[in-house]
Amino acid sequence: MKKIIILLTFLTFGSLTLLAQPPVPPAKADNGNSGPVGGTAPVGSGLTFLLTLGTLYGVRKIYKENRNFLSKN
């Protein structure tokens, strides 16, 4: 078991170092688009949506857990 944990630790850190490399800059294509490199995706609305869903999921779990507790008293 100890060998497996050591192996998984090395594999995890090895993959993390590969992911930490800086991205390769995109090739310049002169197609008349002078927008930002990352695009113009509306990140804020998607983040709000995900946070709302996560909050609702947490509230639902708390409600289901406490519903049984409240009905016993």
N, C-alpha and C. Protein backbone atom coordinates (compact mmCIF):
# COMPACT_ATOMS: atom_id res chain seq x y z
N MET A 1 0.82 -1.19 0.00
CA MET A 1 0.00 0.00 0.00
C MET A 1 0.87 1.26 0.00
N LYS A 2 1.97 1.20 0.72
CA LYS A 2 2.85 2.36 0.80
C LYS A 2 3.49 2.66 -0.56
N LYS A 3 3.80 1.61 -1.32
CA LYS A 3 4.40 1.80 -2.64
C LYS A 3 3.40 2.46 -3.60
N ILE A 4 2.14 2.10 -3.46
CA ILE A 4 1.13 2.67 -4.33
C ILE A 4 0.96 4.16 -4.04
N ILE A 5 0.97 4.53 -2.77
CA ILE A 5 0.83 5.93 -2.40
C ILE A 5 2.01 6.74 -2.90
N ILE A 6 3.21 6.19 -2.78
CA ILE A 6 4.41 6.89 -3.26
C ILE A 6 4.34 7.04 -4.78
N LEU A 7 3.93 5.99 -5.48
CA LEU A 7 3.82 6.04 -6.94
C LEU A 7 2.79 7.09 -7.37
N LEU A 8 1.64 7.10 -6.70
CA LEU A 8 0.61 8.08 -7.05
C LEU A 8 1.07 9.50 -6.75
N THR A 9 1.85 9.68 -5.69
CA THR A 9 2.37 11.01 -5.37
C THR A 9 3.31 11.50 -6.46
N PHE A 10 4.22 10.64 -6.91
CA PHE A 10 5.14 11.03 -7.98
C PHE A 10 4.41 11.30 -9.29
N LEU A 11 3.41 10.49 -9.61
CA LEU A 11 2.66 10.71 -10.84
C LEU A 11 1.87 12.02 -10.78
N THR A 12 1.32 12.33 -9.62
CA THR A 12 0.56 13.57 -9.47
C THR A 12 1.47 14.78 -9.63
N PHE A 13 2.59 14.79 -8.92
CA PHE A 13 3.49 15.93 -9.04
C PHE A 13 4.11 16.02 -10.43
N GLY A 14 4.34 14.89 -11.06
CA GLY A 14 4.87 14.91 -12.42
C GLY A 14 3.89 15.52 -13.40
N SER A 15 2.62 15.18 -13.27
CA SER A 15 1.63 15.75 -14.18
C SER A 15 1.39 17.23 -13.88
N LEU A 16 1.49 17.62 -12.62
CA LEU A 16 1.29 19.03 -12.29
C LEU A 16 2.40 19.90 -12.86
N THR A 17 3.62 19.40 -12.91
CA THR A 17 4.70 20.19 -13.48
C THR A 17 4.53 20.35 -14.99
N LEU A 18 3.93 19.36 -15.64
CA LEU A 18 3.67 19.51 -17.07
C LEU A 18 2.58 20.54 -17.33
N LEU A 19 1.61 20.61 -16.45
CA LEU A 19 0.53 21.56 -16.63
C LEU A 19 0.95 22.98 -16.26
N ALA A 20 2.04 23.14 -15.54
CA ALA A 20 2.47 24.46 -15.10
C ALA A 20 3.31 25.19 -16.14
N GLN A 21 3.53 24.59 -17.29
CA GLN A 21 4.32 25.23 -18.33
C GLN A 21 3.54 26.39 -18.93
N PRO A 22 4.22 27.46 -19.34
CA PRO A 22 3.50 28.58 -19.95
C PRO A 22 2.90 28.18 -21.29
N PRO A 23 1.75 28.73 -21.63
CA PRO A 23 1.12 28.35 -22.90
C PRO A 23 1.89 28.90 -24.08
N VAL A 24 1.76 28.21 -25.18
CA VAL A 24 2.41 28.65 -26.42
C VAL A 24 1.56 29.76 -27.01
N PRO A 25 2.17 30.91 -27.34
CA PRO A 25 1.36 31.99 -27.90
C PRO A 25 0.80 31.59 -29.26
N PRO A 26 -0.43 32.02 -29.55
CA PRO A 26 -1.03 31.65 -30.84
C PRO A 26 -0.32 32.35 -31.99
N ALA A 27 -0.37 31.71 -33.14
CA ALA A 27 0.24 32.29 -34.33
C ALA A 27 -0.56 33.52 -34.76
N LYS A 28 0.13 34.52 -35.23
CA LYS A 28 -0.53 35.75 -35.68
C LYS A 28 -1.17 35.50 -37.04
N ALA A 29 -2.46 35.62 -37.08
CA ALA A 29 -3.18 35.50 -38.35
C ALA A 29 -3.82 36.85 -38.62
N ASP A 30 -3.44 37.45 -39.68
CA ASP A 30 -3.97 38.77 -40.01
C ASP A 30 -5.27 38.60 -40.78
N ASN A 31 -6.33 38.35 -40.03
CA ASN A 31 -7.63 38.19 -40.67
C ASN A 31 -8.54 39.39 -40.42
N GLY A 32 -7.98 40.47 -39.95
CA GLY A 32 -8.76 41.67 -39.73
C GLY A 32 -9.41 41.72 -38.37
N ASN A 33 -9.23 40.72 -37.55
CA ASN A 33 -9.83 40.69 -36.22
C ASN A 33 -8.84 41.28 -35.24
N SER A 34 -9.16 42.42 -34.69
CA SER A 34 -8.24 43.06 -33.76
C SER A 34 -8.73 42.93 -32.31
N GLY A 35 -9.54 41.92 -32.02
CA GLY A 35 -10.06 41.71 -30.68
C GLY A 35 -9.00 41.12 -29.77
N PRO A 36 -9.36 40.92 -28.51
CA PRO A 36 -8.39 40.34 -27.57
C PRO A 36 -8.05 38.91 -27.93
N VAL A 37 -6.90 38.45 -27.46
CA VAL A 37 -6.41 37.12 -27.81
C VAL A 37 -7.31 36.04 -27.26
N GLY A 38 -7.83 36.20 -26.05
CA GLY A 38 -8.64 35.18 -25.43
C GLY A 38 -10.06 35.11 -25.93
N GLY A 39 -10.48 36.04 -26.73
CA GLY A 39 -11.85 36.07 -27.21
C GLY A 39 -12.68 37.00 -26.36
N THR A 40 -13.95 37.02 -26.64
CA THR A 40 -14.84 37.93 -25.92
C THR A 40 -15.97 37.17 -25.24
N ALA A 41 -15.69 36.00 -24.69
CA ALA A 41 -16.72 35.20 -24.02
C ALA A 41 -17.14 35.87 -22.71
N PRO A 42 -18.44 35.91 -22.43
CA PRO A 42 -18.91 36.51 -21.18
C PRO A 42 -18.72 35.56 -20.00
N VAL A 43 -17.60 35.66 -19.34
CA VAL A 43 -17.25 34.75 -18.26
C VAL A 43 -18.08 35.03 -17.01
N GLY A 44 -18.42 36.27 -16.77
CA GLY A 44 -19.12 36.65 -15.55
C GLY A 44 -20.46 35.98 -15.39
N SER A 45 -21.26 35.89 -16.46
CA SER A 45 -22.58 35.29 -16.35
C SER A 45 -22.49 33.79 -16.12
N GLY A 46 -21.53 33.13 -16.71
CA GLY A 46 -21.36 31.69 -16.48
C GLY A 46 -20.90 31.41 -15.06
N LEU A 47 -20.02 32.26 -14.55
CA LEU A 47 -19.55 32.09 -13.18
C LEU A 47 -20.70 32.29 -12.20
N THR A 48 -21.53 33.27 -12.44
CA THR A 48 -22.70 33.51 -11.59
C THR A 48 -23.64 32.31 -11.61
N PHE A 49 -23.84 31.75 -12.79
CA PHE A 49 -24.71 30.58 -12.93
C PHE A 49 -24.17 29.40 -12.14
N LEU A 50 -22.86 29.12 -12.25
CA LEU A 50 -22.27 28.00 -11.52
C LEU A 50 -22.31 28.21 -10.01
N LEU A 51 -22.03 29.43 -9.56
CA LEU A 51 -22.10 29.72 -8.12
C LEU A 51 -23.52 29.57 -7.60
N THR A 52 -24.51 29.99 -8.38
CA THR A 52 -25.90 29.85 -7.97
C THR A 52 -26.29 28.38 -7.85
N LEU A 53 -25.91 27.58 -8.84
CA LEU A 53 -26.22 26.15 -8.78
C LEU A 53 -25.52 25.47 -7.61
N GLY A 54 -24.28 25.84 -7.34
CA GLY A 54 -23.57 25.26 -6.20
C GLY A 54 -24.20 25.64 -4.88
N THR A 55 -24.66 26.88 -4.77
CA THR A 55 -25.32 27.32 -3.55
C THR A 55 -26.64 26.58 -3.35
N LEU A 56 -27.42 26.45 -4.41
CA LEU A 56 -28.68 25.73 -4.30
C LEU A 56 -28.47 24.26 -3.94
N TYR A 57 -27.45 23.65 -4.48
CA TYR A 57 -27.14 22.26 -4.15
C TYR A 57 -26.78 22.12 -2.67
N GLY A 58 -25.97 23.05 -2.15
CA GLY A 58 -25.59 23.01 -0.74
C GLY A 58 -26.78 23.23 0.17
N VAL A 59 -27.64 24.18 -0.20
CA VAL A 59 -28.83 24.46 0.61
C VAL A 59 -29.75 23.24 0.61
N ARG A 60 -29.88 22.59 -0.53
CA ARG A 60 -30.73 21.40 -0.62
C ARG A 60 -30.20 20.29 0.28
N LYS A 61 -28.89 20.08 0.28
CA LYS A 61 -28.30 19.05 1.13
C LYS A 61 -28.51 19.35 2.61
N ILE A 62 -28.33 20.61 2.99
CA ILE A 62 -28.53 21.00 4.38
C ILE A 62 -30.00 20.83 4.76
N TYR A 63 -30.91 21.21 3.88
CA TYR A 63 -32.33 21.09 4.16
C TYR A 63 -32.73 19.62 4.34
N LYS A 64 -32.25 18.76 3.45
CA LYS A 64 -32.59 17.34 3.55
C LYS A 64 -32.03 16.72 4.82
N GLU A 65 -30.85 17.15 5.23
CA GLU A 65 -30.25 16.61 6.45
C GLU A 65 -31.00 17.08 7.69
N ASN A 66 -31.39 18.34 7.72
CA ASN A 66 -32.07 18.90 8.89
C ASN A 66 -33.56 18.60 8.93
N ARG A 67 -34.15 18.22 7.81
CA ARG A 67 -35.58 17.92 7.79
C ARG A 67 -35.89 16.72 8.69
N ASN A 68 -35.04 15.70 8.65
CA ASN A 68 -35.24 14.53 9.50
C ASN A 68 -35.01 14.89 10.94
N PHE A 69 -34.06 15.75 11.21
CA PHE A 69 -33.76 16.14 12.60
C PHE A 69 -34.92 16.95 13.20
N LEU A 70 -35.49 17.84 12.40
CA LEU A 70 -36.57 18.69 12.90
C LEU A 70 -37.86 17.89 13.12
N SER A 71 -38.12 16.87 12.32
CA SER A 71 -39.36 16.12 12.47
C SER A 71 -39.33 15.18 13.67
N LYS A 72 -38.14 14.84 14.19
CA LYS A 72 -38.03 13.97 15.37
C LYS A 72 -38.34 14.71 16.64
N ASN A 73 -38.15 16.03 16.69
CA ASN A 73 -38.36 16.80 17.93
C ASN A 73 -39.78 17.21 18.09
